[in-house]
């Protein structure tokens, strides 16, 4: 098919016309008919096969010749093939490919900005979720192009948390390996139960409404006497020393309620071998809680942001007195934004609107609650030195 030109299919289709010989013109009758002398000469030469003898066109040839004369711009026949013009098409494909490549590069370098061009990137859920945080990031999340206010339908709009995971999906769980006294399978179960504790203490809807965190408490070693004393006191008479908010996220249902059924999270779980062959698990997670006032008809959304680090020890029962399936608490730290400065009520007390504008003003410390690039030790040291800070974004 690469060659241009098809065969006509009928022989003699382009044969000569019945114009007659030049030397017989005088014998023609006045009406244009062929004379008897010319006709006899034609028959004689044709029968003898004389070179150059005229051939009478067939009826098909005359029909084809007439059609060609009457219809010079006829459409191509079914056997006709015309190769496409390649020069222009190739240039168009090249240009299109170049545009696609540039577009992909822009999306890779600035996905948030591209999403903003099409109405995304505003916390409404249009942006693609971030990959799990397997290690500490090197910098805070980038600022939103447009800080649009959250709504009841889009409670994370205008916040980096819009691209974070929902609930435990935002908590990175590492691959298990044999460590300390535990086999690989035992480590996998310990990691899973550690995440269960985070869900029961910081994500459970009942606990968020202020209920007692029974499932979470059941995972803590009942033989760890100092922790059990803390747990017994903290819910009965909360204070600065015995603050349930160090381990559990709770709101007073008479004052505020959590919007919807999604809490955004970002963080990771790590582990190593601890003392006496124990498996030491560290959890470092930031939780974002959208809330509204409990009063009927209220639709102003505020956000309480909590970063909490909990270190657990899954002890070898042959060396430490413990109950199966429980861990010992080694340490716990909490840094809270818009949860109430110097709050000792046992519940987070978020502020709304104008009330929030003056929170922590005057102490000179600005805090980005979404910044996970610093360690919790650094964050807590800064908080101890400066007290309540002013959040740079909510």
Protein backbone atom coordinates (compact mmCIF):
# COMPACT_ATOMS: atom_id res chain seq x y z
CA UNK A 1 0.00 0.00 0.00
CA UNK A 2 2.99 2.29 0.06
CA UNK A 3 2.85 2.93 -3.65
CA UNK A 4 0.50 5.50 -5.05
CA UNK A 5 -1.53 4.30 -8.08
CA UNK A 6 -4.10 1.61 -8.72
CA UNK A 7 -4.75 -0.43 -11.81
CA UNK A 8 -7.78 0.47 -13.90
CA UNK A 9 -9.05 -3.08 -14.36
CA UNK A 10 -10.11 -2.86 -18.09
CA UNK A 11 -7.73 -3.21 -21.04
CA UNK A 12 -7.73 -0.58 -23.77
CA UNK A 13 -9.58 1.90 -21.57
CA UNK A 14 -7.28 4.70 -22.66
CA UNK A 15 -7.20 3.62 -26.35
CA UNK A 16 -7.26 5.98 -29.32
CA UNK A 17 -10.30 7.81 -30.54
CA UNK A 18 -12.23 7.19 -33.82
CA UNK A 19 -10.74 10.29 -35.42
CA UNK A 20 -10.00 8.66 -38.83
CA UNK A 21 -6.86 8.94 -41.01
CA UNK A 22 -5.81 12.32 -42.34
CA UNK A 23 -5.78 11.23 -45.94
CA UNK A 24 -9.49 10.21 -45.98
CA UNK A 25 -10.99 13.50 -45.04
CA UNK A 26 -12.14 14.37 -48.57
CA UNK A 27 -14.20 11.15 -48.92
CA UNK A 28 -16.44 11.93 -45.92
CA UNK A 29 -19.99 12.92 -46.59
CA UNK A 30 -21.22 16.36 -45.62
CA UNK A 31 -23.12 15.01 -42.59
CA UNK A 32 -19.89 13.52 -41.07
CA UNK A 33 -20.63 9.83 -41.85
CA UNK A 34 -17.74 7.53 -42.91
CA UNK A 35 -17.50 6.87 -46.68
CA UNK A 36 -17.69 3.33 -48.08
CA UNK A 37 -14.04 3.58 -49.21
CA UNK A 38 -12.83 4.44 -45.74
CA UNK A 39 -14.88 1.69 -44.13
CA UNK A 40 -13.53 -0.95 -46.56
CA UNK A 41 -9.95 0.25 -45.92
CA UNK A 42 -10.53 0.05 -42.14
CA UNK A 43 -11.80 -3.54 -42.34
CA UNK A 44 -9.00 -4.58 -44.66
CA UNK A 45 -6.18 -3.16 -42.44
CA UNK A 46 -7.70 -4.41 -39.23
CA UNK A 47 -8.04 -7.96 -40.58
CA UNK A 48 -4.41 -7.94 -41.87
CA UNK A 49 -3.11 -6.66 -38.50
CA UNK A 50 -1.34 -3.72 -40.10
CA UNK A 51 0.81 -1.77 -37.57
CA UNK A 52 -0.96 1.42 -36.62
CA UNK A 53 -4.33 0.14 -37.81
CA UNK A 54 -7.07 1.96 -35.88
CA UNK A 55 -9.00 0.13 -33.19
CA UNK A 56 -12.61 0.76 -32.51
CA UNK A 57 -13.21 1.71 -28.91
CA UNK A 58 -15.44 -0.66 -26.98
CA UNK A 59 -18.76 0.51 -25.63
CA UNK A 60 -17.31 0.46 -22.05
CA UNK A 61 -14.33 2.56 -23.14
CA UNK A 62 -16.59 5.14 -24.75
CA UNK A 63 -18.73 5.24 -21.58
CA UNK A 64 -15.73 5.68 -19.30
CA UNK A 65 -14.26 8.38 -21.55
CA UNK A 66 -17.57 10.26 -21.55
CA UNK A 67 -17.83 10.03 -17.71
CA UNK A 68 -14.28 11.31 -17.27
CA UNK A 69 -15.05 14.21 -19.58
CA UNK A 70 -18.35 15.05 -17.89
CA UNK A 71 -17.20 14.46 -14.26
CA UNK A 72 -13.57 15.62 -13.95
CA UNK A 73 -13.74 15.91 -10.08
CA UNK A 74 -15.11 12.44 -9.35
CA UNK A 75 -14.40 10.86 -5.92
CA UNK A 76 -11.59 8.35 -5.50
CA UNK A 77 -12.40 4.77 -6.42
CA UNK A 78 -12.59 2.02 -3.83
CA UNK A 79 -9.19 0.70 -4.86
CA UNK A 80 -7.55 4.11 -4.74
CA UNK A 81 -4.99 4.88 -1.99
CA UNK A 82 -3.49 8.25 -1.26
CA UNK A 83 -0.68 8.26 1.33
CA UNK A 84 -1.26 10.87 4.10
CA UNK A 85 0.81 13.97 4.26
CA UNK A 86 3.20 13.25 7.14
CA UNK A 87 5.02 16.49 7.66
CA UNK A 88 2.24 18.48 9.31
CA UNK A 89 0.81 15.60 11.33
CA UNK A 90 4.21 14.76 12.78
CA UNK A 91 4.69 18.37 13.88
CA UNK A 92 1.29 18.41 15.57
CA UNK A 93 2.01 15.21 17.51
CA UNK A 94 5.38 16.57 18.57
CA UNK A 95 3.81 19.80 19.84
CA UNK A 96 1.09 17.91 21.72
CA UNK A 97 3.64 15.62 23.35
CA UNK A 98 5.72 18.58 24.45
CA UNK A 99 2.71 20.24 26.08
CA UNK A 100 1.81 17.05 27.97
CA UNK A 101 5.39 16.69 29.26
CA UNK A 102 5.43 20.29 30.50
CA UNK A 103 2.07 19.79 32.22
CA UNK A 104 3.25 16.68 34.06
CA UNK A 105 6.36 18.52 35.25
CA UNK A 106 4.27 21.38 36.65
CA UNK A 107 1.95 18.96 38.48
CA UNK A 108 4.94 17.15 40.01
CA UNK A 109 6.60 20.35 41.24
CA UNK A 110 3.51 22.21 42.50
CA UNK A 111 0.48 19.92 42.87
CA UNK A 112 -1.28 22.24 45.31
CA UNK A 113 -1.05 25.22 42.99
CA UNK A 114 -2.31 23.21 40.01
CA UNK A 115 -5.24 21.96 42.07
CA UNK A 116 -6.06 25.57 42.91
CA UNK A 117 -6.36 26.44 39.23
CA UNK A 118 -9.23 23.95 38.91
CA UNK A 119 -10.96 24.76 42.19
CA UNK A 120 -9.09 22.23 44.32
CA UNK A 121 -6.42 22.67 46.94
CA UNK A 122 -8.89 24.43 49.23
CA UNK A 123 -9.45 21.65 51.65
CA UNK A 124 -12.59 20.48 49.93
CA UNK A 125 -11.17 17.06 49.24
CA UNK A 126 -10.31 17.62 45.58
CA UNK A 127 -6.56 17.24 46.08
CA UNK A 128 -4.92 13.84 46.06
CA UNK A 129 -4.00 12.49 49.53
CA UNK A 130 -0.38 12.59 50.59
CA UNK A 131 1.70 9.45 50.82
CA UNK A 132 2.18 8.10 54.32
CA UNK A 133 4.82 9.77 56.48
CA UNK A 134 7.51 7.11 56.86
CA UNK A 135 10.06 9.56 58.29
CA UNK A 136 10.18 13.05 59.73
CA UNK A 137 9.69 15.71 57.00
CA UNK A 138 12.40 18.31 56.42
CA UNK A 139 10.03 21.30 56.32
CA UNK A 140 6.48 22.36 57.18
CA UNK A 141 3.64 21.88 54.66
CA UNK A 142 3.44 24.69 52.12
CA UNK A 143 1.06 27.54 52.71
CA UNK A 144 -2.33 27.26 51.06
CA UNK A 145 -2.75 29.47 47.99
CA UNK A 146 -6.15 30.58 49.30
CA UNK A 147 -7.04 30.40 52.98
CA UNK A 148 -10.72 29.75 52.61
CA UNK A 149 -12.71 29.28 55.78
CA UNK A 150 -13.88 25.80 56.77
CA UNK A 151 -17.54 24.87 56.61
CA UNK A 152 -19.62 22.10 58.12
CA UNK A 153 -19.56 20.29 54.76
CA UNK A 154 -15.85 20.98 54.21
CA UNK A 155 -14.37 21.20 57.72
CA UNK A 156 -10.74 20.86 56.56
CA UNK A 157 -10.90 23.47 53.80
CA UNK A 158 -7.94 25.87 53.77
CA UNK A 159 -5.84 23.47 55.84
CA UNK A 160 -2.94 21.13 54.99
CA UNK A 161 -4.96 18.44 56.74
CA UNK A 162 -7.27 18.31 53.70
CA UNK A 163 -4.70 16.00 52.09
CA UNK A 164 -3.97 13.97 55.23
CA UNK A 165 -5.34 10.51 55.92
CA UNK A 166 -8.66 9.72 57.60
CA UNK A 167 -8.31 8.21 61.06
CA UNK A 168 -5.76 5.42 61.32
CA UNK A 169 -5.15 5.60 57.55
CA UNK A 170 -2.93 8.61 58.19
CA UNK A 171 -0.68 6.72 60.62
CA UNK A 172 2.23 4.95 58.95
CA UNK A 173 2.84 1.42 60.23
CA UNK A 174 6.31 0.01 59.50
CA UNK A 175 7.10 -3.52 58.35
CA UNK A 176 7.68 -5.91 61.22
CA UNK A 177 10.90 -7.78 61.91
CA UNK A 178 12.07 -10.00 64.74
CA UNK A 179 13.18 -7.72 67.60
CA UNK A 180 14.15 -8.37 71.19
CA UNK A 181 12.15 -11.21 72.69
CA UNK A 182 9.53 -11.10 69.90
CA UNK A 183 9.35 -12.91 66.59
CA UNK A 184 8.36 -11.09 63.42
CA UNK A 185 4.70 -12.08 63.84
CA UNK A 186 4.67 -10.98 67.47
CA UNK A 187 6.15 -7.60 66.54
CA UNK A 188 3.46 -7.20 63.86
CA UNK A 189 0.76 -7.82 66.50
CA UNK A 190 2.41 -5.38 68.92
CA UNK A 191 2.50 -2.67 66.25
CA UNK A 192 -1.12 -3.28 65.33
CA UNK A 193 -2.23 -3.11 68.98
CA UNK A 194 -0.20 0.06 69.46
CA UNK A 195 -2.21 1.64 66.66
CA UNK A 196 -5.39 0.27 68.26
CA UNK A 197 -4.48 2.25 71.38
CA UNK A 198 -4.16 5.45 69.33
CA UNK A 199 -7.58 4.83 67.78
CA UNK A 200 -9.18 4.09 71.15
CA UNK A 201 -7.61 7.09 72.87
CA UNK A 202 -7.70 9.79 70.20
CA UNK A 203 -10.20 8.78 67.50
CA UNK A 204 -13.03 6.90 69.21
CA UNK A 205 -16.29 8.93 68.79
CA UNK A 206 -17.45 8.18 72.33
CA UNK A 207 -14.16 9.30 73.86
CA UNK A 208 -14.25 12.48 71.75
CA UNK A 209 -17.69 13.19 73.27
CA UNK A 210 -16.14 12.96 76.73
CA UNK A 211 -16.80 9.33 77.61
CA UNK A 212 -14.34 7.24 79.61
CA UNK A 213 -11.74 5.60 77.30
CA UNK A 214 -12.26 2.03 78.50
CA UNK A 215 -10.78 0.26 75.46
CA UNK A 216 -7.63 2.34 75.57
CA UNK A 217 -7.11 1.90 79.30
CA UNK A 218 -7.52 -1.87 78.91
CA UNK A 219 -4.40 -1.97 76.72
CA UNK A 220 -2.18 -0.45 79.43
CA UNK A 221 -0.34 -2.82 81.79
CA UNK A 222 -2.54 -3.08 84.92
CA UNK A 223 0.57 -3.97 86.97
CA UNK A 224 2.17 -0.60 86.23
CA UNK A 225 1.12 0.97 89.49
CA UNK A 226 2.15 4.61 88.96
CA UNK A 227 0.28 4.80 85.65
CA UNK A 228 -2.82 3.19 87.12
CA UNK A 229 -2.82 5.77 89.93
CA UNK A 230 -2.56 8.53 87.34
CA UNK A 231 -5.47 7.09 85.36
CA UNK A 232 -7.63 6.79 88.46
CA UNK A 233 -7.05 10.42 89.45
CA UNK A 234 -7.01 12.17 86.09
CA UNK A 235 -10.67 11.56 85.24
CA UNK A 236 -11.92 12.15 88.78
CA UNK A 237 -10.01 15.35 89.57
CA UNK A 238 -8.07 16.61 86.56
CA UNK A 239 -5.21 19.00 87.22
CA UNK A 240 -1.98 20.20 85.64
CA UNK A 241 -0.16 17.16 87.04
CA UNK A 242 -2.96 14.73 86.27
CA UNK A 243 -4.25 15.85 82.89
CA UNK A 244 -6.18 13.26 80.85
CA UNK A 245 -5.51 15.30 77.68
CA UNK A 246 -1.90 14.14 77.73
CA UNK A 247 -3.13 10.72 76.55
CA UNK A 248 -6.76 11.14 75.47
CA UNK A 249 -8.67 13.56 73.21
CA UNK A 250 -11.94 14.69 74.81
CA UNK A 251 -14.44 17.49 74.29
CA UNK A 252 -17.25 18.53 76.62
CA UNK A 253 -20.38 17.60 74.67
CA UNK A 254 -22.38 20.37 76.35
CA UNK A 255 -20.06 22.96 74.82
CA UNK A 256 -18.81 21.66 71.46
CA UNK A 257 -19.23 18.73 69.13
CA UNK A 258 -16.95 17.22 66.50
CA UNK A 259 -18.10 17.86 62.91
CA UNK A 260 -18.79 14.73 60.90
CA UNK A 261 -17.12 11.40 61.51
CA UNK A 262 -13.63 12.07 60.12
CA UNK A 263 -10.56 13.11 62.09
CA UNK A 264 -7.54 13.87 59.91
CA UNK A 265 -4.21 12.42 61.00
CA UNK A 266 -0.58 12.40 59.95
CA UNK A 267 2.21 10.55 61.70
CA UNK A 268 4.18 7.37 62.06
CA UNK A 269 5.00 4.48 64.34
CA UNK A 270 8.57 3.28 64.86
CA UNK A 271 10.09 0.55 67.01
CA UNK A 272 13.39 -0.73 68.35
CA UNK A 273 14.72 -3.06 71.01
CA UNK A 274 14.41 -1.58 74.49
CA UNK A 275 15.51 -2.55 77.97
CA UNK A 276 15.54 -6.22 78.96
CA UNK A 277 14.81 -7.22 75.36
CA UNK A 278 11.47 -5.38 75.24
CA UNK A 279 10.08 -4.02 71.98
CA UNK A 280 9.90 -0.24 72.39
CA UNK A 281 7.29 1.44 70.19
CA UNK A 282 7.17 5.20 69.60
CA UNK A 283 4.09 6.88 68.10
CA UNK A 284 4.24 10.47 66.85
CA UNK A 285 0.91 11.62 65.39
CA UNK A 286 -0.87 14.92 64.72
CA UNK A 287 -4.68 14.87 64.98
CA UNK A 288 -6.96 17.57 63.50
CA UNK A 289 -10.43 17.86 65.06
CA UNK A 290 -13.03 20.14 63.39
CA UNK A 291 -15.64 21.32 65.90
CA UNK A 292 -18.69 23.58 66.17
CA UNK A 293 -20.49 24.97 69.18
CA UNK A 294 -23.01 22.59 70.67
CA UNK A 295 -25.72 25.24 70.57
CA UNK A 296 -28.34 24.54 67.94
CA UNK A 297 -27.92 26.24 64.58
CA UNK A 298 -24.23 27.01 65.03
CA UNK A 299 -22.21 26.44 61.86
CA UNK A 300 -18.90 28.22 62.54
CA UNK A 301 -16.14 25.63 62.35
CA UNK A 302 -12.99 25.81 64.47
CA UNK A 303 -10.18 23.28 64.56
CA UNK A 304 -8.29 21.83 67.51
CA UNK A 305 -4.92 20.41 66.49
CA UNK A 306 -3.08 17.98 68.74
CA UNK A 307 0.34 16.47 68.26
CA UNK A 308 0.93 13.61 70.64
CA UNK A 309 3.94 11.36 71.20
CA UNK A 310 3.47 8.15 73.18
CA UNK A 311 6.28 5.67 73.91
CA UNK A 312 5.24 2.13 74.85
CA UNK A 313 7.19 -0.89 76.00
CA UNK A 314 6.00 -4.37 75.05
CA UNK A 315 7.79 -6.24 77.80
CA UNK A 316 9.03 -9.80 77.98
CA UNK A 317 6.68 -11.45 80.53
CA UNK A 318 9.60 -13.63 81.63
CA UNK A 319 11.41 -10.50 82.85
CA UNK A 320 8.68 -7.97 83.66
CA UNK A 321 5.41 -8.48 85.50
CA UNK A 322 2.70 -7.68 82.95
CA UNK A 323 -0.57 -8.95 81.54
CA UNK A 324 -0.70 -10.56 78.08
CA UNK A 325 -1.59 -8.15 75.29
CA UNK A 326 -0.77 -5.01 77.29
CA UNK A 327 2.12 -2.54 77.23
CA UNK A 328 3.86 -0.34 79.81
CA UNK A 329 3.87 3.43 79.32
CA UNK A 330 7.36 4.91 79.16
CA UNK A 331 6.50 8.54 78.29
CA UNK A 332 3.81 10.74 76.74
CA UNK A 333 3.94 14.32 75.47
CA UNK A 334 1.21 16.50 73.98
CA UNK A 335 1.28 19.86 72.17
CA UNK A 336 -2.15 21.38 71.56
CA UNK A 337 -3.33 24.28 69.40
CA UNK A 338 -6.72 25.85 70.14
CA UNK A 339 -7.49 23.42 72.91
CA UNK A 340 -7.45 25.93 75.71
CA UNK A 341 -4.37 27.64 77.16
CA UNK A 342 -3.64 26.59 80.76
CA UNK A 343 -6.68 24.34 80.55
CA UNK A 344 -7.22 21.96 83.50
CA UNK A 345 -10.85 20.97 82.87
CA UNK A 346 -10.05 17.53 81.44
CA UNK A 347 -11.60 18.58 78.09
CA UNK A 348 -10.34 20.59 75.13
CA UNK A 349 -11.93 24.05 75.11
CA UNK A 350 -11.52 25.48 71.59
CA UNK A 351 -12.16 29.14 70.83
CA UNK A 352 -14.14 30.51 67.90
CA UNK A 353 -13.88 33.64 65.76
CA UNK A 354 -12.98 36.83 67.61
CA UNK A 355 -12.35 34.94 70.86
CA UNK A 356 -9.54 33.04 69.16
CA UNK A 357 -7.88 36.13 67.66
CA UNK A 358 -6.35 37.20 70.95
CA UNK A 359 -5.39 33.76 72.21
CA UNK A 360 -1.80 33.71 73.42
CA UNK A 361 -1.10 37.23 72.16
CA UNK A 362 1.82 39.10 73.58
CA UNK A 363 4.22 36.25 74.37
CA UNK A 364 6.07 36.50 71.04
CA UNK A 365 5.93 32.77 70.14
CA UNK A 366 4.32 31.79 66.85
CA UNK A 367 3.47 28.14 66.27
CA UNK A 368 2.60 26.30 63.08
CA UNK A 369 0.53 23.37 64.36
CA UNK A 370 0.94 21.50 61.05
CA UNK A 371 4.74 21.60 61.18
CA UNK A 372 6.06 18.10 61.84
CA UNK A 373 9.65 18.84 60.84
CA UNK A 374 10.79 19.42 64.44
CA UNK A 375 10.99 16.77 67.14
CA UNK A 376 8.53 16.68 70.00
CA UNK A 377 11.37 17.37 72.43
CA UNK A 378 12.12 20.64 70.63
CA UNK A 379 8.44 21.54 70.42
CA UNK A 380 7.88 20.90 74.11
CA UNK A 381 11.01 22.81 75.13
CA UNK A 382 9.84 25.85 73.19
CA UNK A 383 6.39 25.57 74.76
CA UNK A 384 7.83 25.37 78.28
CA UNK A 385 9.96 28.46 77.68
CA UNK A 386 7.30 30.65 76.06
CA UNK A 387 4.03 29.28 77.34
CA UNK A 388 0.93 29.46 75.16
CA UNK A 389 1.79 30.55 71.63
CA UNK A 390 -0.09 32.09 68.75
CA UNK A 391 -0.95 29.73 65.90
CA UNK A 392 0.11 30.91 62.44
CA UNK A 393 -2.73 28.90 60.86
CA UNK A 394 -5.64 26.75 61.97
